[in-house]
Protein backbone atom coordinates (compact mmCIF):
# COMPACT_ATOMS: atom_id res chain seq x y z
CA MET A 1 110.30 86.19 79.22
CA ILE A 2 107.46 87.15 81.58
CA ALA A 3 103.86 86.77 80.48
CA VAL A 4 101.72 89.84 81.13
CA ASN A 5 97.95 90.14 80.97
CA THR A 6 95.26 92.60 82.05
CA LEU A 7 92.44 92.27 84.54
CA ASP A 8 90.01 92.84 81.70
CA ASN A 9 91.38 89.83 79.84
CA ILE A 10 91.49 87.65 82.93
CA VAL A 11 88.45 88.70 84.95
CA ALA A 12 85.90 90.72 83.00
CA ALA A 13 85.28 88.14 80.27
CA ARG A 14 85.25 85.21 82.69
CA PHE A 15 82.74 86.83 85.06
CA ARG A 16 80.79 88.82 82.47
CA SER A 17 77.56 89.32 84.43
CA ALA A 18 78.93 89.01 87.96
CA ARG A 19 79.44 91.73 90.52
CA LEU A 20 83.09 91.76 91.52
CA MET A 21 85.21 92.58 94.53
CA LEU A 22 88.85 93.36 93.74
CA LYS A 23 91.75 93.19 96.14
CA ILE A 24 94.79 94.94 94.70
CA ASP A 25 98.12 94.65 96.50
CA VAL A 26 100.82 94.74 93.85
CA GLU A 27 103.71 96.48 95.58
CA GLY A 28 103.63 99.79 93.74
CA ALA A 29 102.09 98.73 90.41
CA GLU A 30 98.51 99.71 91.28
CA TRP A 31 98.26 102.31 88.51
CA ASP A 32 99.42 99.81 85.90
CA VAL A 33 96.88 97.23 87.06
CA LEU A 34 94.04 99.75 86.95
CA GLN A 35 95.01 100.83 83.43
CA GLY A 36 94.10 97.34 82.21
CA ALA A 37 90.87 97.10 84.20
CA ALA A 38 88.29 99.44 82.61
CA ASN A 39 85.69 96.71 82.05
CA ALA A 40 86.44 94.95 85.32
CA LEU A 41 85.95 98.24 87.19
CA GLU A 42 82.48 98.61 85.65
CA GLN A 43 81.53 95.24 87.16
CA THR A 44 83.20 95.89 90.50
CA ARG A 45 81.31 97.05 93.57
CA VAL A 46 84.07 96.77 96.20
CA ILE A 47 87.80 97.45 95.95
CA LEU A 48 90.33 96.88 98.68
CA ILE A 49 93.57 98.45 97.52
CA GLU A 50 96.91 99.13 99.12
CA ASN A 51 97.81 102.55 97.77
CA SER A 52 101.01 103.76 99.37
CA LYS A 53 102.17 107.36 99.11
CA SER A 54 105.80 106.32 99.47
CA ARG A 55 106.60 102.64 99.96
CA ASN A 56 107.76 100.61 96.94
CA HIS A 57 108.38 103.68 94.79
CA PRO A 58 111.58 105.31 93.55
CA GLY A 59 112.52 108.21 95.78
CA HIS A 60 109.87 107.01 98.25
CA ARG A 61 107.17 109.01 96.45
CA ASN A 62 104.27 107.49 94.53
CA PRO A 63 103.73 109.80 91.54
CA ARG A 64 100.36 108.12 90.80
CA TYR A 65 98.85 108.21 94.30
CA ASP A 66 96.41 111.03 93.53
CA ASP A 67 95.76 109.69 90.00
CA ILE A 68 94.64 106.35 91.46
CA ASN A 69 92.22 108.06 93.84
CA ARG A 70 90.83 110.28 91.05
CA LEU A 71 90.40 107.32 88.70
CA LEU A 72 88.39 105.41 91.29
CA GLU A 73 86.23 108.49 91.95
CA VAL A 74 85.59 108.95 88.22
CA CYS A 75 84.51 105.29 88.11
CA ALA A 76 81.86 106.13 90.78
CA PHE A 77 83.70 104.61 93.75
CA ARG A 78 83.72 106.37 97.11
CA LEU A 79 86.39 105.93 99.76
CA ARG A 80 84.63 104.38 102.78
CA ALA A 81 87.50 103.40 105.07
CA GLN A 82 91.25 103.76 105.29
CA TRP A 83 93.71 102.18 107.68
CA GLY A 84 97.36 102.74 107.03
CA GLU A 85 97.89 102.32 103.30
CA ASN A 86 94.82 100.13 102.85
CA CYS A 87 91.72 101.72 101.36
CA LEU A 88 88.18 100.38 100.99
CA TRP A 89 86.30 101.82 98.02
CA LEU A 90 82.59 101.10 97.41
CA LYS A 91 80.28 101.72 94.48
């Protein structure tokens, strides 16, 4: 059995009034992590995320690549820098 938790359960409650910086490098599970991070994203000002279009995905295609970018934009983040698959988003 593998224990699973969300960023909201782990981070948002623990750092309730803090401004956060998130670094997300989860080998293809970025979308899943972000789905459990609504409250944490509200507190976050900086995100460094590895968002690959192909690596670590079946068929070498990330079906959630554009969804991840749209979600961050909807949460008021703006892409400020990108090098390779690494992206810096700021709010």
